Amino acid sequence: GRPTPERWWLSWSKGELPVPHHSCSSAQAYTCYLKWCKAEGEKWPVTNNWFGRMVQRIAGDNLQVRLAKAGAYKATRMWLVAPPPAGVDFSAWSSEAIAAFDEHLKGWEV
């Protein structure tokens, strides 16, 4: 009876998806959710706007959203499931996290 974003979060946070549970951009999280919906046979995924709100509600303190600079002029929302290492440049760390998560998303064929 749970909404699909909540079910997705629970599966992802327990390590039950073929992508690791680590920090990524909000756009990547939504892409992961859409792939999960397709794999689960969910015909009507929620919109990106509702998705983020529903996940934040169930995730609580286990998810922080923070803006990161991604490129010269673009900012992106990062979903932090763990804090970045102390003393590390957040923008550089975010870029690396996004690139690593992209590789996992590409490897998940639905």
PDB file of N, CA and C in Angstrom:
ATOM      1  N   GLY A   1       0.783  -1.190   0.000  1.00  0.00           N
ATOM      2  CA  GLY A   1       0.000   0.000   0.000  1.00  0.00           C
ATOM      3  C   GLY A   1       0.838   1.273   0.000  1.00  0.00           C
ATOM      4  N   ARG A   2       2.160   1.158   0.004  1.00  0.00           N
ATOM      5  CA  ARG A   2       2.997   2.366  -0.011  1.00  0.00           C
ATOM      6  C   ARG A   2       3.067   2.952  -1.418  1.00  0.00           C
ATOM      7  N   PRO A   3       3.200   4.278  -1.514  1.00  0.00           N
ATOM      8  CA  PRO A   3       3.427   4.897  -2.825  1.00  0.00           C
ATOM      9  C   PRO A   3       4.751   4.409  -3.411  1.00  0.00           C
ATOM     10  N   THR A   4       4.831   4.415  -4.733  1.00  0.00           N
ATOM     11  CA  THR A   4       6.029   3.890  -5.388  1.00  0.00           C
ATOM     12  C   THR A   4       7.323   4.591  -4.982  1.00  0.00           C
ATOM     13  N   PRO A   5       7.355   5.925  -4.776  1.00  0.00           N
ATOM     14  CA  PRO A   5       8.622   6.525  -4.349  1.00  0.00           C
ATOM     15  C   PRO A   5       9.109   5.992  -2.997  1.00  0.00           C
ATOM     16  N   GLU A   6       8.183   5.722  -2.105  1.00  0.00           N
ATOM     17  CA  GLU A   6       8.569   5.176  -0.803  1.00  0.00           C
ATOM     18  C   GLU A   6       9.104   3.759  -0.953  1.00  0.00           C
ATOM     19  N   ARG A   7       8.436   2.950  -1.771  1.00  0.00           N
ATOM     20  CA  ARG A   7       8.910   1.575  -1.996  1.00  0.00           C
ATOM     21  C   ARG A   7      10.288   1.591  -2.654  1.00  0.00           C
ATOM     22  N   TRP A   8      10.471   2.505  -3.622  1.00  0.00           N
ATOM     23  CA  TRP A   8      11.777   2.628  -4.281  1.00  0.00           C
ATOM     24  C   TRP A   8      12.854   2.981  -3.249  1.00  0.00           C
ATOM     25  N   TRP A   9      12.597   3.982  -2.409  1.00  0.00           N
ATOM     26  CA  TRP A   9      13.584   4.403  -1.413  1.00  0.00           C
ATOM     27  C   TRP A   9      13.955   3.245  -0.489  1.00  0.00           C
ATOM     28  N   LEU A  10      12.962   2.526  -0.018  1.00  0.00           N
ATOM     29  CA  LEU A  10      13.236   1.413   0.887  1.00  0.00           C
ATOM     30  C   LEU A  10      14.101   0.358   0.206  1.00  0.00           C
ATOM     31  N   SER A  11      13.806   0.044  -1.048  1.00  0.00           N
ATOM     32  CA  SER A  11      14.618  -0.938  -1.782  1.00  0.00           C
ATOM     33  C   SER A  11      16.031  -0.422  -2.011  1.00  0.00           C
ATOM     34  N   TRP A  12      16.150   0.828  -2.431  1.00  0.00           N
ATOM     35  CA  TRP A  12      17.459   1.413  -2.715  1.00  0.00           C
ATOM     36  C   TRP A  12      18.301   1.502  -1.445  1.00  0.00           C
ATOM     37  N   SER A  13      17.689   1.979  -0.364  1.00  0.00           N
ATOM     38  CA  SER A  13      18.447   2.160   0.876  1.00  0.00           C
ATOM     39  C   SER A  13      18.863   0.832   1.511  1.00  0.00           C
ATOM     40  N   LYS A  14      18.171  -0.241   1.177  1.00  0.00           N
ATOM     41  CA  LYS A  14      18.542  -1.567   1.686  1.00  0.00           C
ATOM     42  C   LYS A  14      19.537  -2.278   0.772  1.00  0.00           C
ATOM     43  N   GLY A  15      19.906  -1.631  -0.354  1.00  0.00           N
ATOM     44  CA  GLY A  15      20.860  -2.245  -1.275  1.00  0.00           C
ATOM     45  C   GLY A  15      20.251  -3.297  -2.173  1.00  0.00           C
ATOM     46  N   GLU A  16      18.961  -3.229  -2.397  1.00  0.00           N
ATOM     47  CA  GLU A  16      18.276  -4.244  -3.204  1.00  0.00           C
ATOM     48  C   GLU A  16      18.209  -3.902  -4.693  1.00  0.00           C
ATOM     49  N   LEU A  17      18.755  -2.764  -5.099  1.00  0.00           N
ATOM     50  CA  LEU A  17      18.744  -2.370  -6.509  1.00  0.00           C
ATOM     51  C   LEU A  17      20.119  -2.599  -7.120  1.00  0.00           C
ATOM     52  N   PRO A  18      20.196  -2.678  -8.443  1.00  0.00           N
ATOM     53  CA  PRO A  18      21.498  -2.894  -9.075  1.00  0.00           C
ATOM     54  C   PRO A  18      22.372  -1.637  -9.138  1.00  0.00           C
ATOM     55  N   VAL A  19      21.982  -0.595  -8.454  1.00  0.00           N
ATOM     56  CA  VAL A  19      22.818   0.606  -8.321  1.00  0.00           C
ATOM     57  C   VAL A  19      23.077   0.816  -6.829  1.00  0.00           C
ATOM     58  N   PRO A  20      24.269   1.266  -6.472  1.00  0.00           N
ATOM     59  CA  PRO A  20      24.592   1.411  -5.052  1.00  0.00           C
ATOM     60  C   PRO A  20      23.838   2.560  -4.403  1.00  0.00           C
ATOM     61  N   HIS A  21      23.650   2.437  -3.127  1.00  0.00           N
ATOM     62  CA  HIS A  21      22.999   3.487  -2.336  1.00  0.00           C
ATOM     63  C   HIS A  21      24.078   4.474  -1.908  1.00  0.00           C
ATOM     64  N   HIS A  22      24.336   5.454  -2.782  1.00  0.00           N
ATOM     65  CA  HIS A  22      25.268   6.510  -2.408  1.00  0.00           C
ATOM     66  C   HIS A  22      24.826   7.815  -3.033  1.00  0.00           C
ATOM     67  N   SER A  23      25.447   8.889  -2.627  1.00  0.00           N
ATOM     68  CA  SER A  23      25.034  10.224  -3.046  1.00  0.00           C
ATOM     69  C   SER A  23      25.043  10.369  -4.565  1.00  0.00           C
ATOM     70  N   CYS A  24      24.065  11.122  -5.051  1.00  0.00           N
ATOM     71  CA  CYS A  24      23.901  11.343  -6.484  1.00  0.00           C
ATOM     72  C   CYS A  24      23.101  12.630  -6.672  1.00  0.00           C
ATOM     73  N   SER A  25      22.909  13.020  -7.915  1.00  0.00           N
ATOM     74  CA  SER A  25      22.074  14.189  -8.163  1.00  0.00           C
ATOM     75  C   SER A  25      20.608  13.783  -8.053  1.00  0.00           C
ATOM     76  N   SER A  26      19.752  14.749  -7.813  1.00  0.00           N
ATOM     77  CA  SER A  26      18.321  14.449  -7.727  1.00  0.00           C
ATOM     78  C   SER A  26      17.808  13.926  -9.068  1.00  0.00           C
ATOM     79  N   ALA A  27      18.351  14.426 -10.171  1.00  0.00           N
ATOM     80  CA  ALA A  27      17.950  13.934 -11.496  1.00  0.00           C
ATOM     81  C   ALA A  27      18.331  12.466 -11.665  1.00  0.00           C
ATOM     82  N   GLN A  28      19.490  12.087 -11.170  1.00  0.00           N
ATOM     83  CA  GLN A  28      19.909  10.683 -11.249  1.00  0.00           C
ATOM     84  C   GLN A  28      19.017   9.797 -10.389  1.00  0.00           C
ATOM     85  N   ALA A  29      18.649  10.290  -9.220  1.00  0.00           N
ATOM     86  CA  ALA A  29      17.760   9.508  -8.360  1.00  0.00           C
ATOM     87  C   ALA A  29      16.422   9.284  -9.060  1.00  0.00           C
ATOM     88  N   TYR A  30      15.914  10.296  -9.731  1.00  0.00           N
ATOM     89  CA  TYR A  30      14.636  10.151 -10.437  1.00  0.00           C
ATOM     90  C   TYR A  30      14.783   9.182 -11.613  1.00  0.00           C
ATOM     91  N   THR A  31      15.885   9.251 -12.319  1.00  0.00           N
ATOM     92  CA  THR A  31      16.130   8.298 -13.410  1.00  0.00           C
ATOM     93  C   THR A  31      16.178   6.876 -12.870  1.00  0.00           C
ATOM     94  N   CYS A  32      16.829   6.702 -11.732  1.00  0.00           N
ATOM     95  CA  CYS A  32      16.898   5.393 -11.082  1.00  0.00           C
ATOM     96  C   CYS A  32      15.498   4.920 -10.713  1.00  0.00           C
ATOM     97  N   TYR A  33      14.701   5.816 -10.177  1.00  0.00           N
ATOM     98  CA  TYR A  33      13.304   5.499  -9.826  1.00  0.00           C
ATOM     99  C   TYR A  33      12.516   5.062 -11.061  1.00  0.00           C
ATOM    100  N   LEU A  34      12.671   5.780 -12.176  1.00  0.00           N
ATOM    101  CA  LEU A  34      11.951   5.420 -13.400  1.00  0.00           C
ATOM    102  C   LEU A  34      12.368   4.042 -13.909  1.00  0.00           C
ATOM    103  N   LYS A  35      13.657   3.725 -13.802  1.00  0.00           N
ATOM    104  CA  LYS A  35      14.125   2.385 -14.200  1.00  0.00           C
ATOM    105  C   LYS A  35      13.530   1.329 -13.279  1.00  0.00           C
ATOM    106  N   TRP A  36      13.482   1.640 -11.993  1.00  0.00           N
ATOM    107  CA  TRP A  36      12.882   0.713 -11.029  1.00  0.00           C
ATOM    108  C   TRP A  36      11.410   0.498 -11.359  1.00  0.00           C
ATOM    109  N   CYS A  37      10.694   1.581 -11.659  1.00  0.00           N
ATOM    110  CA  CYS A  37       9.276   1.460 -12.015  1.00  0.00           C
ATOM    111  C   CYS A  37       9.092   0.539 -13.207  1.00  0.00           C
ATOM    112  N   LYS A  38       9.933   0.711 -14.215  1.00  0.00           N
ATOM    113  CA  LYS A  38       9.844  -0.135 -15.411  1.00  0.00           C
ATOM    114  C   LYS A  38      10.114  -1.600 -15.056  1.00  0.00           C
ATOM    115  N   ALA A  39      11.143  -1.828 -14.251  1.00  0.00           N
ATOM    116  CA  ALA A  39      11.489  -3.196 -13.852  1.00  0.00           C
ATOM    117  C   ALA A  39      10.385  -3.837 -13.012  1.00  0.00           C
ATOM    118  N   GLU A  40       9.703  -3.031 -12.201  1.00  0.00           N
ATOM    119  CA  GLU A  40       8.639  -3.532 -11.324  1.00  0.00           C
ATOM    120  C   GLU A  40       7.280  -3.603 -12.016  1.00  0.00           C
ATOM    121  N   GLY A  41       7.193  -3.073 -13.238  1.00  0.00           N
ATOM    122  CA  GLY A  41       5.922  -3.072 -13.946  1.00  0.00           C
ATOM    123  C   GLY A  41       4.972  -1.971 -13.498  1.00  0.00           C
ATOM    124  N   GLU A  42       5.507  -0.944 -12.873  1.00  0.00           N
ATOM    125  CA  GLU A  42       4.695   0.188 -12.438  1.00  0.00           C
ATOM    126  C   GLU A  42       4.385   1.062 -13.653  1.00  0.00           C
ATOM    127  N   LYS A  43       3.113   1.221 -13.958  1.00  0.00           N
ATOM    128  CA  LYS A  43       2.737   1.931 -15.179  1.00  0.00           C
ATOM    129  C   LYS A  43       2.648   3.440 -15.018  1.00  0.00           C
ATOM    130  N   TRP A  44       2.458   3.928 -13.804  1.00  0.00           N
ATOM    131  CA  TRP A  44       2.265   5.355 -13.601  1.00  0.00           C
ATOM    132  C   TRP A  44       3.202   5.897 -12.523  1.00  0.00           C
ATOM    133  N   PRO A  45       4.463   6.121 -12.880  1.00  0.00           N
ATOM    134  CA  PRO A  45       5.360   6.728 -11.891  1.00  0.00           C
ATOM    135  C   PRO A  45       4.932   8.165 -11.604  1.00  0.00           C
ATOM    136  N   VAL A  46       5.243   8.635 -10.429  1.00  0.00           N
ATOM    137  CA  VAL A  46       4.892  10.013 -10.066  1.00  0.00           C
ATOM    138  C   VAL A  46       5.842  10.979 -10.767  1.00  0.00           C
ATOM    139  N   THR A  47       5.453  12.237 -10.821  1.00  0.00           N
ATOM    140  CA  THR A  47       6.306  13.254 -11.434  1.00  0.00           C
ATOM    141  C   THR A  47       7.535  13.490 -10.574  1.00  0.00           C
ATOM    142  N   ASN A  48       8.532  14.095 -11.168  1.00  0.00           N
ATOM    143  CA  ASN A  48       9.781  14.375 -10.464  1.00  0.00           C
ATOM    144  C   ASN A  48       9.537  15.217  -9.214  1.00  0.00           C
ATOM    145  N   ASN A  49       8.675  16.204  -9.317  1.00  0.00           N
ATOM    146  CA  ASN A  49       8.388  17.082  -8.188  1.00  0.00           C
ATOM    147  C   ASN A  49       7.800  16.295  -7.006  1.00  0.00           C
ATOM    148  N   TRP A  50       6.819  15.462  -7.265  1.00  0.00           N
ATOM    149  CA  TRP A  50       6.212  14.647  -6.194  1.00  0.00           C
ATOM    150  C   TRP A  50       7.179  13.592  -5.683  1.00  0.00           C
ATOM    151  N   PHE A  51       7.961  13.042  -6.582  1.00  0.00           N
ATOM    152  CA  PHE A  51       8.932  12.013  -6.209  1.00  0.00           C
ATOM    153  C   PHE A  51       9.860  12.515  -5.101  1.00  0.00           C
ATOM    154  N   GLY A  52      10.475  13.676  -5.331  1.00  0.00           N
ATOM    155  CA  GLY A  52      11.405  14.222  -4.348  1.00  0.00           C
ATOM    156  C   GLY A  52      10.759  14.470  -3.000  1.00  0.00           C
ATOM    157  N   ARG A  53       9.565  15.016  -3.023  1.00  0.00           N
ATOM    158  CA  ARG A  53       8.862  15.297  -1.763  1.00  0.00           C
ATOM    159  C   ARG A  53       8.526  14.020  -1.009  1.00  0.00           C
ATOM    160  N   MET A  54       8.061  13.013  -1.741  1.00  0.00           N
ATOM    161  CA  MET A  54       7.666  11.764  -1.081  1.00  0.00           C
ATOM    162  C   MET A  54       8.874  11.026  -0.512  1.00  0.00           C
ATOM    163  N   VAL A  55       9.977  11.048  -1.244  1.00  0.00           N
ATOM    164  CA  VAL A  55      11.180  10.383  -0.750  1.00  0.00           C
ATOM    165  C   VAL A  55      11.721  11.115   0.472  1.00  0.00           C
ATOM    166  N   GLN A  56      11.752  12.436   0.424  1.00  0.00           N
ATOM    167  CA  GLN A  56      12.261  13.183   1.578  1.00  0.00           C
ATOM    168  C   GLN A  56      11.423  12.917   2.817  1.00  0.00           C
ATOM    169  N   ARG A  57      10.128  12.723   2.634  1.00  0.00           N
ATOM    170  CA  ARG A  57       9.261  12.455   3.786  1.00  0.00           C
ATOM    171  C   ARG A  57       9.628  11.128   4.449  1.00  0.00           C
ATOM    172  N   ILE A  58       9.842  10.085   3.657  1.00  0.00           N
ATOM    173  CA  ILE A  58      10.151   8.782   4.261  1.00  0.00           C
ATOM    174  C   ILE A  58      11.618   8.684   4.683  1.00  0.00           C
ATOM    175  N   ALA A  59      12.513   9.352   3.968  1.00  0.00           N
ATOM    176  CA  ALA A  59      13.940   9.253   4.274  1.00  0.00           C
ATOM    177  C   ALA A  59      14.305  10.014   5.540  1.00  0.00           C
ATOM    178  N   GLY A  60      13.628  11.096   5.797  1.00  0.00           N
ATOM    179  CA  GLY A  60      13.907  11.882   6.994  1.00  0.00           C
ATOM    180  C   GLY A  60      15.350  12.347   7.058  1.00  0.00           C
ATOM    181  N   ASP A  61      15.995  12.088   8.178  1.00  0.00           N
ATOM    182  CA  ASP A  61      17.382  12.524   8.383  1.00  0.00           C
ATOM    183  C   ASP A  61      18.391  11.712   7.576  1.00  0.00           C
ATOM    184  N   ASN A  62      17.960  10.652   6.915  1.00  0.00           N
ATOM    185  CA  ASN A  62      18.868   9.820   6.122  1.00  0.00           C
ATOM    186  C   ASN A  62      19.148  10.400   4.743  1.00  0.00           C
ATOM    187  N   LEU A  63      18.549  11.554   4.448  1.00  0.00           N
ATOM    188  CA  LEU A  63      18.757  12.193   3.150  1.00  0.00           C
ATOM    189  C   LEU A  63      18.835  13.701   3.344  1.00  0.00           C
ATOM    190  N   GLN A  64      19.897  14.281   2.835  1.00  0.00           N
ATOM    191  CA  GLN A  64      20.029  15.733   2.820  1.00  0.00           C
ATOM    192  C   GLN A  64      20.112  16.175   1.368  1.00  0.00           C
ATOM    193  N   VAL A  65      19.511  17.309   1.069  1.00  0.00           N
ATOM    194  CA  VAL A  65      19.576  17.872  -0.274  1.00  0.00           C
ATOM    195  C   VAL A  65      20.394  19.150  -0.195  1.00  0.00           C
ATOM    196  N   ARG A  66      21.377  19.236  -1.076  1.00  0.00           N
ATOM    197  CA  ARG A  66      22.275  20.386  -1.067  1.00  0.00           C
ATOM    198  C   ARG A  66      22.626  20.767  -2.503  1.00  0.00           C
ATOM    199  N   LEU A  67      22.690  22.047  -2.781  1.00  0.00           N
ATOM    200  CA  LEU A  67      23.093  22.510  -4.107  1.00  0.00           C
ATOM    201  C   LEU A  67      24.591  22.364  -4.286  1.00  0.00           C
ATOM    202  N   ALA A  68      24.969  21.937  -5.482  1.00  0.00           N
ATOM    203  CA  ALA A  68      26.382  21.809  -5.823  1.00  0.00           C
ATOM    204  C   ALA A  68      26.599  22.435  -7.187  1.00  0.00           C
ATOM    205  N   LYS A  69      27.751  22.995  -7.376  1.00  0.00           N
ATOM    206  CA  LYS A  69      28.094  23.568  -8.672  1.00  0.00           C
ATOM    207  C   LYS A  69      28.556  22.443  -9.589  1.00  0.00           C
ATOM    208  N   ALA A  70      27.866  22.307 -10.704  1.00  0.00           N
ATOM    209  CA  ALA A  70      28.205  21.256 -11.667  1.00  0.00           C
ATOM    210  C   ALA A  70      28.522  21.929 -12.995  1.00  0.00           C
ATOM    211  N   GLY A  71      29.739  22.292 -13.194  1.00  0.00           N
ATOM    212  CA  GLY A  71      30.122  23.016 -14.398  1.00  0.00           C
ATOM    213  C   GLY A  71      30.269  24.496 -14.086  1.00  0.00           C
ATOM    214  N   ALA A  72      30.585  25.261 -15.103  1.00  0.00           N
ATOM    215  CA  ALA A  72      30.891  26.676 -14.919  1.00  0.00           C
ATOM    216  C   ALA A  72      29.697  27.483 -14.418  1.00  0.00           C
ATOM    217  N   TYR A  73      28.505  27.197 -14.923  1.00  0.00           N
ATOM    218  CA  TYR A  73      27.359  28.043 -14.596  1.00  0.00           C
ATOM    219  C   TYR A  73      26.154  27.298 -14.055  1.00  0.00           C
ATOM    220  N   LYS A  74      26.241  26.026 -13.941  1.00  0.00           N
ATOM    221  CA  LYS A  74      25.078  25.222 -13.596  1.00  0.00           C
ATOM    222  C   LYS A  74      25.161  24.698 -12.161  1.00  0.00           C
ATOM    223  N   ALA A  75      24.051  24.798 -11.468  1.00  0.00           N
ATOM    224  CA  ALA A  75      23.956  24.209 -10.134  1.00  0.00           C
ATOM    225  C   ALA A  75      23.028  23.007 -10.213  1.00  0.00           C
ATOM    226  N   THR A  76      23.309  22.011  -9.419  1.00  0.00           N
ATOM    227  CA  THR A  76      22.466  20.818  -9.392  1.00  0.00           C
ATOM    228  C   THR A  76      22.175  20.460  -7.939  1.00  0.00           C
ATOM    229  N   ARG A  77      21.040  19.833  -7.730  1.00  0.00           N
ATOM    230  CA  ARG A  77      20.683  19.379  -6.388  1.00  0.00           C
ATOM    231  C   ARG A  77      21.311  18.015  -6.163  1.00  0.00           C
ATOM    232  N   MET A  78      22.036  17.916  -5.076  1.00  0.00           N
ATOM    233  CA  MET A  78      22.651  16.646  -4.701  1.00  0.00           C
ATOM    234  C   MET A  78      21.839  15.999  -3.600  1.00  0.00           C
ATOM    235  N   TRP A  79      21.620  14.703  -3.730  1.00  0.00           N
ATOM    236  CA  TRP A  79      21.010  13.901  -2.673  1.00  0.00           C
ATOM    237  C   TRP A  79      22.159  13.268  -1.905  1.00  0.00           C
ATOM    238  N   LEU A  80      22.337  13.693  -0.681  1.00  0.00           N
ATOM    239  CA  LEU A  80      23.424  13.181   0.146  1.00  0.00           C
ATOM    240  C   LEU A  80      22.882  12.111   1.082  1.00  0.00           C
ATOM    241  N   VAL A  81      23.291  10.877   0.845  1.00  0.00           N
ATOM    242  CA  VAL A  81      22.886   9.784   1.731  1.00  0.00           C
ATOM    243  C   VAL A  81      23.965   9.539   2.784  1.00  0.00           C
ATOM    244  N   ALA A  82      25.102  10.197   2.602  1.00  0.00           N
ATOM    245  CA  ALA A  82      26.190  10.204   3.577  1.00  0.00           C
ATOM    246  C   ALA A  82      26.927  11.517   3.375  1.00  0.00           C
ATOM    247  N   PRO A  83      27.439  12.097   4.421  1.00  0.00           N
ATOM    248  CA  PRO A  83      28.148  13.372   4.248  1.00  0.00           C
ATOM    249  C   PRO A  83      29.446  13.171   3.458  1.00  0.00           C
ATOM    250  N   PRO A  84      29.856  14.194   2.715  1.00  0.00           N
ATOM    251  CA  PRO A  84      31.145  14.087   2.024  1.00  0.00           C
ATOM    252  C   PRO A  84      32.282  14.061   3.042  1.00  0.00           C
ATOM    253  N   PRO A  85      33.414  13.515   2.674  1.00  0.00           N
ATOM    254  CA  PRO A  85      34.555  13.479   3.599  1.00  0.00           C
ATOM    255  C   PRO A  85      34.953  14.892   4.032  1.00  0.00           C
ATOM    256  N   ALA A  86      35.400  15.009   5.233  1.00  0.00           N
ATOM    257  CA  ALA A  86      35.817  16.310   5.771  1.00  0.00           C
ATOM    258  C   ALA A  86      37.007  16.849   4.988  1.00  0.00           C
ATOM    259  N   GLY A  87      36.988  18.145   4.748  1.00  0.00           N
ATOM    260  CA  GLY A  87      38.105  18.796   4.089  1.00  0.00           C
ATOM    261  C   GLY A  87      38.155  18.637   2.586  1.00  0.00           C
ATOM    262  N   VAL A  88      37.151  17.997   1.996  1.00  0.00           N
ATOM    263  CA  VAL A  88      37.118  17.779   0.555  1.00  0.00           C
ATOM    264  C   VAL A  88      36.298  18.888  -0.098  1.00  0.00           C
ATOM    265  N   ASP A  89      36.751  19.356  -1.271  1.00  0.00           N
ATOM    266  CA  ASP A  89      35.993  20.354  -2.013  1.00  0.00           C
ATOM    267  C   ASP A  89      34.662  19.747  -2.436  1.00  0.00           C
ATOM    268  N   PHE A  90      33.557  20.354  -1.990  1.00  0.00           N
ATOM    269  CA  PHE A  90      32.235  19.779  -2.232  1.00  0.00           C
ATOM    270  C   PHE A  90      31.892  19.704  -3.711  1.00  0.00           C
ATOM    271  N   SER A  91      32.248  20.711  -4.483  1.00  0.00           N
ATOM    272  CA  SER A  91      31.937  20.698  -5.918  1.00  0.00           C
ATOM    273  C   SER A  91      32.663  19.568  -6.631  1.00  0.00           C
ATOM    274  N   ALA A  92      33.929  19.393  -6.324  1.00  0.00           N
ATOM    275  CA  ALA A  92      34.706  18.310  -6.949  1.00  0.00           C
ATOM    276  C   ALA A  92      34.168  16.954  -6.514  1.00  0.00           C
ATOM    277  N   TRP A  93      33.881  16.821  -5.235  1.00  0.00           N
ATOM    278  CA  TRP A  93      33.336  15.566  -4.721  1.00  0.00           C
ATOM    279  C   TRP A  93      31.998  15.246  -5.376  1.00  0.00           C
ATOM    280  N   SER A  94      31.145  16.260  -5.528  1.00  0.00           N
ATOM    281  CA  SER A  94      29.833  16.074  -6.157  1.00  0.00           C
ATOM    282  C   SER A  94      29.978  15.619  -7.601  1.00  0.00           C
ATOM    283  N   SER A  95      30.887  16.237  -8.324  1.00  0.00           N
ATOM    284  CA  SER A  95      31.116  15.857  -9.722  1.00  0.00           C
ATOM    285  C   SER A  95      31.552  14.402  -9.825  1.00  0.00           C
ATOM    286  N   GLU A  96      32.423  13.979  -8.923  1.00  0.00           N
ATOM    287  CA  GLU A  96      32.870  12.582  -8.916  1.00  0.00           C
ATOM    288  C   GLU A  96      31.729  11.636  -8.563  1.00  0.00           C
ATOM    289  N   ALA A  97      30.903  12.027  -7.598  1.00  0.00           N
ATOM    290  CA  ALA A  97      29.765  11.187  -7.205  1.00  0.00           C
ATOM    291  C   ALA A  97      28.779  11.043  -8.364  1.00  0.00           C
ATOM    292  N   ILE A  98      28.527  12.131  -9.085  1.00  0.00           N
ATOM    293  CA  ILE A  98      27.612  12.099 -10.232  1.00  0.00           C
ATOM    294  C   ILE A  98      28.165  11.189 -11.319  1.00  0.00           C
ATOM    295  N   ALA A  99      29.446  11.330 -11.623  1.00  0.00           N
ATOM    296  CA  ALA A  99      30.060  10.495 -12.662  1.00  0.00           C
ATOM    297  C   ALA A  99      30.014   9.012 -12.285  1.00  0.00           C
ATOM    298  N   ALA A 100      30.310   8.700 -11.032  1.00  0.00           N
ATOM    299  CA  ALA A 100      30.293   7.297 -10.584  1.00  0.00           C
ATOM    300  C   ALA A 100      28.877   6.725 -10.656  1.00  0.00           C
ATOM    301  N   PHE A 101      27.894   7.521 -10.239  1.00  0.00           N
ATOM    302  CA  PHE A 101      26.517   7.026 -10.262  1.00  0.00           C
ATOM    303  C   PHE A 101      26.036   6.825 -11.693  1.00  0.00           C
ATOM    304  N   ASP A 102      26.460   7.703 -12.607  1.00  0.00           N
ATOM    305  CA  ASP A 102      26.101   7.550 -14.020  1.00  0.00           C
ATOM    306  C   ASP A 102      26.543   6.190 -14.560  1.00  0.00           C
ATOM    307  N   GLU A 103      27.739   5.777 -14.168  1.00  0.00           N
ATOM    308  CA  GLU A 103      28.245   4.475 -14.640  1.00  0.00           C
ATOM    309  C   GLU A 103      27.347   3.336 -14.169  1.00  0.00           C
ATOM    310  N   HIS A 104      26.881   3.417 -12.945  1.00  0.00           N
ATOM    311  CA  HIS A 104      25.994   2.372 -12.429  1.00  0.00           C
ATOM    312  C   HIS A 104      24.639   2.406 -13.127  1.00  0.00           C
ATOM    313  N   LEU A 105      24.131   3.615 -13.380  1.00  0.00           N
ATOM    314  CA  LEU A 105      22.841   3.727 -14.084  1.00  0.00           C
ATOM    315  C   LEU A 105      22.944   3.154 -15.493  1.00  0.00           C
ATOM    316  N   LYS A 106      24.035   3.423 -16.184  1.00  0.00           N
ATOM    317  CA  LYS A 106      24.224   2.912 -17.543  1.00  0.00           C
ATOM    318  C   LYS A 106      24.255   1.387 -17.548  1.00  0.00           C
ATOM    319  N   GLY A 107      24.785   0.809 -16.486  1.00  0.00           N
ATOM    320  CA  GLY A 107      24.884  -0.643 -16.418  1.00  0.00           C
ATOM    321  C   GLY A 107      23.576  -1.347 -16.065  1.00  0.00           C
ATOM    322  N   TRP A 108      22.571  -0.593 -15.675  1.00  0.00           N
ATOM    323  CA  TRP A 108      21.285  -1.186 -15.308  1.00  0.00           C
ATOM    324  C   TRP A 108      20.366  -1.196 -16.515  1.00  0.00           C
ATOM    325  N   GLU A 109      20.330  -2.312 -17.178  1.00  0.00           N
ATOM    326  CA  GLU A 109      19.455  -2.473 -18.352  1.00  0.00           C
ATOM    327  C   GLU A 109      18.126  -3.030 -17.916  1.00  0.00           C
ATOM    328  N   VAL A 110      17.072  -2.365 -18.299  1.00  0.00           N
ATOM    329  CA  VAL A 110      15.723  -2.815 -17.935  1.00  0.00           C
ATOM    330  C   VAL A 110      15.013  -3.312 -19.165  1.00  0.00           C
TER     331      VAL A 110
END
